[in-house]
Amino acid sequence: MNDDEKDLFNSSLGEKIKSIRKGHNFGVRELALIAEIEHHQLINIEKGRVDIRLSTLRKIAKALKCTPKDLLDFEFEINSIKIK
């Protein structure tokens, strides 16, 4: 995966997390508190600025009452091949 594809993946994941968070009517600070992560870390994740650790993904999923698989359920392209 090249840097552009990694950026697209991170952005897509961040958008998915943000969408589910908003569906639960959680603010960034509220979800971060429940997930036991720093709110600025969650902001960076939602904006696709950072690579998320699996342990953090699990914390966010637990706080959102879903599975990590639910958070990773989105499409993106690698080398013009659509991945889901």
PDB file of N, CA and C in Angstrom:
ATOM      1  N   MET A   1       0.860  -1.165   0.000  1.00  0.00           N
ATOM      2  CA  MET A   1       0.000   0.000   0.000  1.00  0.00           C
ATOM      3  C   MET A   1       0.909   1.231   0.000  1.00  0.00           C
ATOM      4  N   ASN A   2       0.714   2.096  -0.979  1.00  0.00           N
ATOM      5  CA  ASN A   2       1.526   3.309  -1.026  1.00  0.00           C
ATOM      6  C   ASN A   2       0.932   4.368  -0.079  1.00  0.00           C
ATOM      7  N   ASP A   3       1.620   5.496   0.045  1.00  0.00           N
ATOM      8  CA  ASP A   3       1.199   6.532   0.997  1.00  0.00           C
ATOM      9  C   ASP A   3      -0.183   7.091   0.690  1.00  0.00           C
ATOM     10  N   ASP A   4      -0.503   7.282  -0.588  1.00  0.00           N
ATOM     11  CA  ASP A   4      -1.828   7.796  -0.951  1.00  0.00           C
ATOM     12  C   ASP A   4      -2.926   6.808  -0.558  1.00  0.00           C
ATOM     13  N   GLU A   5      -2.667   5.532  -0.782  1.00  0.00           N
ATOM     14  CA  GLU A   5      -3.647   4.507  -0.422  1.00  0.00           C
ATOM     15  C   GLU A   5      -3.797   4.410   1.092  1.00  0.00           C
ATOM     16  N   LYS A   6      -2.704   4.549   1.809  1.00  0.00           N
ATOM     17  CA  LYS A   6      -2.754   4.531   3.268  1.00  0.00           C
ATOM     18  C   LYS A   6      -3.565   5.722   3.781  1.00  0.00           C
ATOM     19  N   ASP A   7      -3.340   6.898   3.170  1.00  0.00           N
ATOM     20  CA  ASP A   7      -4.101   8.086   3.555  1.00  0.00           C
ATOM     21  C   ASP A   7      -5.593   7.894   3.289  1.00  0.00           C
ATOM     22  N   LEU A   8      -5.917   7.294   2.150  1.00  0.00           N
ATOM     23  CA  LEU A   8      -7.316   7.035   1.811  1.00  0.00           C
ATOM     24  C   LEU A   8      -7.934   6.061   2.805  1.00  0.00           C
ATOM     25  N   PHE A   9      -7.195   5.017   3.158  1.00  0.00           N
ATOM     26  CA  PHE A   9      -7.685   4.049   4.143  1.00  0.00           C
ATOM     27  C   PHE A   9      -7.947   4.737   5.477  1.00  0.00           C
ATOM     28  N   ASN A  10      -6.971   5.514   5.952  1.00  0.00           N
ATOM     29  CA  ASN A  10      -7.119   6.196   7.239  1.00  0.00           C
ATOM     30  C   ASN A  10      -8.290   7.172   7.224  1.00  0.00           C
ATOM     31  N   SER A  11      -8.464   7.893   6.124  1.00  0.00           N
ATOM     32  CA  SER A  11      -9.585   8.828   6.003  1.00  0.00           C
ATOM     33  C   SER A  11     -10.919   8.091   5.994  1.00  0.00           C
ATOM     34  N   SER A  12     -10.972   6.988   5.275  1.00  0.00           N
ATOM     35  CA  SER A  12     -12.211   6.207   5.206  1.00  0.00           C
ATOM     36  C   SER A  12     -12.565   5.631   6.574  1.00  0.00           C
ATOM     37  N   LEU A  13     -11.571   5.129   7.280  1.00  0.00           N
ATOM     38  CA  LEU A  13     -11.803   4.601   8.625  1.00  0.00           C
ATOM     39  C   LEU A  13     -12.271   5.717   9.549  1.00  0.00           C
ATOM     40  N   GLY A  14     -11.624   6.862   9.486  1.00  0.00           N
ATOM     41  CA  GLY A  14     -12.020   7.988  10.318  1.00  0.00           C
ATOM     42  C   GLY A  14     -13.443   8.432  10.056  1.00  0.00           C
ATOM     43  N   GLU A  15     -13.816   8.477   8.791  1.00  0.00           N
ATOM     44  CA  GLU A  15     -15.186   8.853   8.430  1.00  0.00           C
ATOM     45  C   GLU A  15     -16.189   7.839   8.968  1.00  0.00           C
ATOM     46  N   LYS A  16     -15.838   6.566   8.919  1.00  0.00           N
ATOM     47  CA  LYS A  16     -16.729   5.517   9.425  1.00  0.00           C
ATOM     48  C   LYS A  16     -16.925   5.670  10.934  1.00  0.00           C
ATOM     49  N   ILE A  17     -15.826   5.874  11.662  1.00  0.00           N
ATOM     50  CA  ILE A  17     -15.914   6.056  13.110  1.00  0.00           C
ATOM     51  C   ILE A  17     -16.766   7.286  13.439  1.00  0.00           C
ATOM     52  N   LYS A  18     -16.518   8.374  12.745  1.00  0.00           N
ATOM     53  CA  LYS A  18     -17.270   9.615  12.980  1.00  0.00           C
ATOM     54  C   LYS A  18     -18.754   9.416  12.706  1.00  0.00           C
ATOM     55  N   SER A  19     -19.076   8.715  11.642  1.00  0.00           N
ATOM     56  CA  SER A  19     -20.471   8.459  11.288  1.00  0.00           C
ATOM     57  C   SER A  19     -21.177   7.651  12.386  1.00  0.00           C
ATOM     58  N   ILE A  20     -20.527   6.603  12.864  1.00  0.00           N
ATOM     59  CA  ILE A  20     -21.134   5.784  13.922  1.00  0.00           C
ATOM     60  C   ILE A  20     -21.227   6.586  15.220  1.00  0.00           C
ATOM     61  N   ARG A  21     -20.191   7.372  15.520  1.00  0.00           N
ATOM     62  CA  ARG A  21     -20.220   8.216  16.723  1.00  0.00           C
ATOM     63  C   ARG A  21     -21.409   9.165  16.679  1.00  0.00           C
ATOM     64  N   LYS A  22     -21.599   9.820  15.554  1.00  0.00           N
ATOM     65  CA  LYS A  22     -22.713  10.758  15.420  1.00  0.00           C
ATOM     66  C   LYS A  22     -24.060  10.036  15.491  1.00  0.00           C
ATOM     67  N   GLY A  23     -24.107   8.807  14.978  1.00  0.00           N
ATOM     68  CA  GLY A  23     -25.325   8.009  15.069  1.00  0.00           C
ATOM     69  C   GLY A  23     -25.709   7.689  16.507  1.00  0.00           C
ATOM     70  N   HIS A  24     -24.716   7.665  17.369  1.00  0.00           N
ATOM     71  CA  HIS A  24     -24.958   7.446  18.804  1.00  0.00           C
ATOM     72  C   HIS A  24     -25.143   8.773  19.557  1.00  0.00           C
ATOM     73  N   ASN A  25     -25.113   9.870  18.827  1.00  0.00           N
ATOM     74  CA  ASN A  25     -25.226  11.214  19.415  1.00  0.00           C
ATOM     75  C   ASN A  25     -24.144  11.496  20.449  1.00  0.00           C
ATOM     76  N   PHE A  26     -22.931  10.982  20.198  1.00  0.00           N
ATOM     77  CA  PHE A  26     -21.789  11.255  21.064  1.00  0.00           C
ATOM     78  C   PHE A  26     -20.977  12.399  20.473  1.00  0.00           C
ATOM     79  N   GLY A  27     -20.502  13.283  21.334  1.00  0.00           N
ATOM     80  CA  GLY A  27     -19.517  14.258  20.926  1.00  0.00           C
ATOM     81  C   GLY A  27     -18.146  13.590  20.960  1.00  0.00           C
ATOM     82  N   VAL A  28     -17.147  14.263  20.409  1.00  0.00           N
ATOM     83  CA  VAL A  28     -15.798  13.710  20.392  1.00  0.00           C
ATOM     84  C   VAL A  28     -15.298  13.458  21.819  1.00  0.00           C
ATOM     85  N   ARG A  29     -15.457  14.442  22.673  1.00  0.00           N
ATOM     86  CA  ARG A  29     -14.969  14.302  24.052  1.00  0.00           C
ATOM     87  C   ARG A  29     -15.683  13.171  24.790  1.00  0.00           C
ATOM     88  N   GLU A  30     -16.986  13.040  24.563  1.00  0.00           N
ATOM     89  CA  GLU A  30     -17.754  11.990  25.231  1.00  0.00           C
ATOM     90  C   GLU A  30     -17.278  10.602  24.799  1.00  0.00           C
ATOM     91  N   LEU A  31     -17.125  10.389  23.496  1.00  0.00           N
ATOM     92  CA  LEU A  31     -16.653   9.087  23.032  1.00  0.00           C
ATOM     93  C   LEU A  31     -15.241   8.815  23.517  1.00  0.00           C
ATOM     94  N   ALA A  32     -14.382   9.817  23.466  1.00  0.00           N
ATOM     95  CA  ALA A  32     -13.009   9.636  23.924  1.00  0.00           C
ATOM     96  C   ALA A  32     -12.977   9.236  25.394  1.00  0.00           C
ATOM     97  N   LEU A  33     -13.823   9.847  26.195  1.00  0.00           N
ATOM     98  CA  LEU A  33     -13.888   9.522  27.616  1.00  0.00           C
ATOM     99  C   LEU A  33     -14.335   8.077  27.822  1.00  0.00           C
ATOM    100  N   ILE A  34     -15.369   7.677  27.111  1.00  0.00           N
ATOM    101  CA  ILE A  34     -15.885   6.306  27.231  1.00  0.00           C
ATOM    102  C   ILE A  34     -14.845   5.300  26.750  1.00  0.00           C
ATOM    103  N   ALA A  35     -14.160   5.634  25.650  1.00  0.00           N
ATOM    104  CA  ALA A  35     -13.172   4.727  25.063  1.00  0.00           C
ATOM    105  C   ALA A  35     -11.827   4.767  25.799  1.00  0.00           C
ATOM    106  N   GLU A  36     -11.697   5.719  26.722  1.00  0.00           N
ATOM    107  CA  GLU A  36     -10.461   5.881  27.493  1.00  0.00           C
ATOM    108  C   GLU A  36      -9.262   6.198  26.601  1.00  0.00           C
ATOM    109  N   ILE A  37      -9.502   7.157  25.692  1.00  0.00           N
ATOM    110  CA  ILE A  37      -8.422   7.695  24.864  1.00  0.00           C
ATOM    111  C   ILE A  37      -8.497   9.216  24.941  1.00  0.00           C
ATOM    112  N   GLU A  38      -7.445   9.879  24.524  1.00  0.00           N
ATOM    113  CA  GLU A  38      -7.429  11.341  24.522  1.00  0.00           C
ATOM    114  C   GLU A  38      -8.319  11.867  23.394  1.00  0.00           C
ATOM    115  N   HIS A  39      -9.054  12.944  23.662  1.00  0.00           N
ATOM    116  CA  HIS A  39      -9.972  13.453  22.636  1.00  0.00           C
ATOM    117  C   HIS A  39      -9.217  13.943  21.400  1.00  0.00           C
ATOM    118  N   HIS A  40      -8.015  14.488  21.583  1.00  0.00           N
ATOM    119  CA  HIS A  40      -7.246  14.944  20.416  1.00  0.00           C
ATOM    120  C   HIS A  40      -6.801  13.750  19.560  1.00  0.00           C
ATOM    121  N   GLN A  41      -6.606  12.598  20.203  1.00  0.00           N
ATOM    122  CA  GLN A  41      -6.278  11.381  19.451  1.00  0.00           C
ATOM    123  C   GLN A  41      -7.471  10.970  18.590  1.00  0.00           C
ATOM    124  N   LEU A  42      -8.663  11.032  19.156  1.00  0.00           N
ATOM    125  CA  LEU A  42      -9.868  10.684  18.399  1.00  0.00           C
ATOM    126  C   LEU A  42     -10.085  11.662  17.245  1.00  0.00           C
ATOM    127  N   ILE A  43      -9.837  12.932  17.482  1.00  0.00           N
ATOM    128  CA  ILE A  43      -9.965  13.923  16.408  1.00  0.00           C
ATOM    129  C   ILE A  43      -9.019  13.569  15.263  1.00  0.00           C
ATOM    130  N   ASN A  44      -7.772  13.252  15.588  1.00  0.00           N
ATOM    131  CA  ASN A  44      -6.793  12.887  14.552  1.00  0.00           C
ATOM    132  C   ASN A  44      -7.181  11.608  13.816  1.00  0.00           C
ATOM    133  N   ILE A  45      -7.759  10.649  14.530  1.00  0.00           N
ATOM    134  CA  ILE A  45      -8.215   9.403  13.897  1.00  0.00           C
ATOM    135  C   ILE A  45      -9.357   9.712  12.931  1.00  0.00           C
ATOM    136  N   GLU A  46     -10.339  10.478  13.389  1.00  0.00           N
ATOM    137  CA  GLU A  46     -11.490  10.796  12.545  1.00  0.00           C
ATOM    138  C   GLU A  46     -11.101  11.611  11.315  1.00  0.00           C
ATOM    139  N   LYS A  47     -10.046  12.396  11.415  1.00  0.00           N
ATOM    140  CA  LYS A  47      -9.588  13.185  10.264  1.00  0.00           C
ATOM    141  C   LYS A  47      -8.605  12.404   9.393  1.00  0.00           C
ATOM    142  N   GLY A  48      -8.307  11.161   9.763  1.00  0.00           N
ATOM    143  CA  GLY A  48      -7.425  10.327   8.955  1.00  0.00           C
ATOM    144  C   GLY A  48      -5.967  10.728   9.024  1.00  0.00           C
ATOM    145  N   ARG A  49      -5.586  11.434  10.067  1.00  0.00           N
ATOM    146  CA  ARG A  49      -4.220  11.936  10.183  1.00  0.00           C
ATOM    147  C   ARG A  49      -3.225  10.914  10.730  1.00  0.00           C
ATOM    148  N   VAL A  50      -3.724   9.860  11.364  1.00  0.00           N
ATOM    149  CA  VAL A  50      -2.842   8.898  12.028  1.00  0.00           C
ATOM    150  C   VAL A  50      -3.233   7.468  11.682  1.00  0.00           C
ATOM    151  N   ASP A  51      -2.263   6.578  11.812  1.00  0.00           N
ATOM    152  CA  ASP A  51      -2.550   5.145  11.733  1.00  0.00           C
ATOM    153  C   ASP A  51      -3.059   4.723  13.104  1.00  0.00           C
ATOM    154  N   ILE A  52      -4.156   4.037  13.131  1.00  0.00           N
ATOM    155  CA  ILE A  52      -4.759   3.629  14.394  1.00  0.00           C
ATOM    156  C   ILE A  52      -4.207   2.273  14.827  1.00  0.00           C
ATOM    157  N   ARG A  53      -3.913   2.149  16.098  1.00  0.00           N
ATOM    158  CA  ARG A  53      -3.453   0.872  16.646  1.00  0.00           C
ATOM    159  C   ARG A  53      -4.668  -0.030  16.845  1.00  0.00           C
ATOM    160  N   LEU A  54      -4.468  -1.328  16.752  1.00  0.00           N
ATOM    161  CA  LEU A  54      -5.579  -2.262  16.949  1.00  0.00           C
ATOM    162  C   LEU A  54      -6.182  -2.133  18.335  1.00  0.00           C
ATOM    163  N   SER A  55      -5.354  -1.903  19.335  1.00  0.00           N
ATOM    164  CA  SER A  55      -5.876  -1.749  20.699  1.00  0.00           C
ATOM    165  C   SER A  55      -6.804  -0.540  20.777  1.00  0.00           C
ATOM    166  N   THR A  56      -6.482   0.522  20.079  1.00  0.00           N
ATOM    167  CA  THR A  56      -7.331   1.711  20.058  1.00  0.00           C
ATOM    168  C   THR A  56      -8.610   1.441  19.284  1.00  0.00           C
ATOM    169  N   LEU A  57      -8.506   0.728  18.180  1.00  0.00           N
ATOM    170  CA  LEU A  57      -9.683   0.358  17.402  1.00  0.00           C
ATOM    171  C   LEU A  57     -10.653  -0.451  18.269  1.00  0.00           C
ATOM    172  N   ARG A  58     -10.116  -1.382  19.050  1.00  0.00           N
ATOM    173  CA  ARG A  58     -10.963  -2.192  19.935  1.00  0.00           C
ATOM    174  C   ARG A  58     -11.637  -1.319  20.993  1.00  0.00           C
ATOM    175  N   LYS A  59     -10.909  -0.364  21.569  1.00  0.00           N
ATOM    176  CA  LYS A  59     -11.492   0.530  22.577  1.00  0.00           C
ATOM    177  C   LYS A  59     -12.639   1.352  21.992  1.00  0.00           C
ATOM    178  N   ILE A  60     -12.427   1.873  20.798  1.00  0.00           N
ATOM    179  CA  ILE A  60     -13.464   2.678  20.147  1.00  0.00           C
ATOM    180  C   ILE A  60     -14.672   1.809  19.817  1.00  0.00           C
ATOM    181  N   ALA A  61     -14.435   0.623  19.295  1.00  0.00           N
ATOM    182  CA  ALA A  61     -15.532  -0.287  18.965  1.00  0.00           C
ATOM    183  C   ALA A  61     -16.339  -0.625  20.214  1.00  0.00           C
ATOM    184  N   LYS A  62     -15.651  -0.929  21.289  1.00  0.00           N
ATOM    185  CA  LYS A  62     -16.344  -1.265  22.544  1.00  0.00           C
ATOM    186  C   LYS A  62     -17.188  -0.088  23.017  1.00  0.00           C
ATOM    187  N   ALA A  63     -16.629   1.118  22.957  1.00  0.00           N
ATOM    188  CA  ALA A  63     -17.356   2.311  23.389  1.00  0.00           C
ATOM    189  C   ALA A  63     -18.586   2.566  22.512  1.00  0.00           C
ATOM    190  N   LEU A  64     -18.495   2.196  21.241  1.00  0.00           N
ATOM    191  CA  LEU A  64     -19.611   2.379  20.309  1.00  0.00           C
ATOM    192  C   LEU A  64     -20.544   1.167  20.268  1.00  0.00           C
ATOM    193  N   LYS A  65     -20.251   0.168  21.122  1.00  0.00           N
ATOM    194  CA  LYS A  65     -21.061  -1.052  21.197  1.00  0.00           C
ATOM    195  C   LYS A  65     -21.173  -1.744  19.828  1.00  0.00           C
ATOM    196  N   CYS A  66     -20.017  -1.863  19.187  1.00  0.00           N
ATOM    197  CA  CYS A  66     -19.948  -2.573  17.915  1.00  0.00           C
ATOM    198  C   CYS A  66     -18.644  -3.365  17.894  1.00  0.00           C
ATOM    199  N   THR A  67     -18.369  -4.009  16.792  1.00  0.00           N
ATOM    200  CA  THR A  67     -17.137  -4.781  16.668  1.00  0.00           C
ATOM    201  C   THR A  67     -16.124  -3.992  15.834  1.00  0.00           C
ATOM    202  N   PRO A  68     -14.844  -4.314  15.972  1.00  0.00           N
ATOM    203  CA  PRO A  68     -13.867  -3.687  15.081  1.00  0.00           C
ATOM    204  C   PRO A  68     -14.217  -3.918  13.611  1.00  0.00           C
ATOM    205  N   LYS A  69     -14.783  -5.083  13.322  1.00  0.00           N
ATOM    206  CA  LYS A  69     -15.185  -5.376  11.941  1.00  0.00           C
ATOM    207  C   LYS A  69     -16.210  -4.364  11.436  1.00  0.00           C
ATOM    208  N   ASP A  70     -17.122  -3.950  12.310  1.00  0.00           N
ATOM    209  CA  ASP A  70     -18.113  -2.936  11.923  1.00  0.00           C
ATOM    210  C   ASP A  70     -17.433  -1.626  11.533  1.00  0.00           C
ATOM    211  N   LEU A  71     -16.389  -1.261  12.267  1.00  0.00           N
ATOM    212  CA  LEU A  71     -15.677  -0.020  11.976  1.00  0.00           C
ATOM    213  C   LEU A  71     -14.888  -0.102  10.679  1.00  0.00           C
ATOM    214  N   LEU A  72     -14.496  -1.318  10.322  1.00  0.00           N
ATOM    215  CA  LEU A  72     -13.698  -1.527   9.107  1.00  0.00           C
ATOM    216  C   LEU A  72     -14.553  -1.852   7.892  1.00  0.00           C
ATOM    217  N   ASP A  73     -15.862  -1.740   8.035  1.00  0.00           N
ATOM    218  CA  ASP A  73     -16.782  -2.067   6.944  1.00  0.00           C
ATOM    219  C   ASP A  73     -16.987  -0.835   6.053  1.00  0.00           C
ATOM    220  N   PHE A  74     -16.038  -0.630   5.151  1.00  0.00           N
ATOM    221  CA  PHE A  74     -16.110   0.465   4.196  1.00  0.00           C
ATOM    222  C   PHE A  74     -15.306   0.060   2.966  1.00  0.00           C
ATOM    223  N   GLU A  75     -15.511   0.786   1.875  1.00  0.00           N
ATOM    224  CA  GLU A  75     -14.796   0.506   0.635  1.00  0.00           C
ATOM    225  C   GLU A  75     -13.712   1.543   0.405  1.00  0.00           C
ATOM    226  N   PHE A  76     -12.599   1.092  -0.172  1.00  0.00           N
ATOM    227  CA  PHE A  76     -11.546   1.990  -0.621  1.00  0.00           C
ATOM    228  C   PHE A  76     -10.807   1.279  -1.738  1.00  0.00           C
ATOM    229  N   GLU A  77      -9.986   2.000  -2.462  1.00  0.00           N
ATOM    230  CA  GLU A  77      -9.295   1.423  -3.616  1.00  0.00           C
ATOM    231  C   GLU A  77      -7.793   1.349  -3.399  1.00  0.00           C
ATOM    232  N   ILE A  78      -7.222   0.217  -3.812  1.00  0.00           N
ATOM    233  CA  ILE A  78      -5.769   0.016  -3.853  1.00  0.00           C
ATOM    234  C   ILE A  78      -5.433  -0.354  -5.288  1.00  0.00           C
ATOM    235  N   ASN A  79      -4.560   0.418  -5.900  1.00  0.00           N
ATOM    236  CA  ASN A  79      -4.159   0.166  -7.283  1.00  0.00           C
ATOM    237  C   ASN A  79      -5.371   0.005  -8.194  1.00  0.00           C
ATOM    238  N   SER A  80      -6.367   0.885  -8.009  1.00  0.00           N
ATOM    239  CA  SER A  80      -7.604   0.909  -8.799  1.00  0.00           C
ATOM    240  C   SER A  80      -8.463  -0.337  -8.609  1.00  0.00           C
ATOM    241  N   ILE A  81      -8.204  -1.104  -7.560  1.00  0.00           N
ATOM    242  CA  ILE A  81      -9.026  -2.276  -7.233  1.00  0.00           C
ATOM    243  C   ILE A  81      -9.842  -1.932  -6.004  1.00  0.00           C
ATOM    244  N   LYS A  82     -11.164  -2.021  -6.115  1.00  0.00           N
ATOM    245  CA  LYS A  82     -12.033  -1.679  -5.001  1.00  0.00           C
ATOM    246  C   LYS A  82     -11.967  -2.787  -3.956  1.00  0.00           C
ATOM    247  N   ILE A  83     -11.706  -2.395  -2.701  1.00  0.00           N
ATOM    248  CA  ILE A  83     -11.607  -3.321  -1.592  1.00  0.00           C
ATOM    249  C   ILE A  83     -12.757  -3.040  -0.627  1.00  0.00           C
ATOM    250  N   LYS A  84     -13.391  -4.076  -0.125  1.00  0.00           N
ATOM    251  CA  LYS A  84     -14.453  -3.925   0.872  1.00  0.00           C
ATOM    252  C   LYS A  84     -14.198  -4.867   2.009  1.00  0.00           C
TER     253      LYS A  84
END
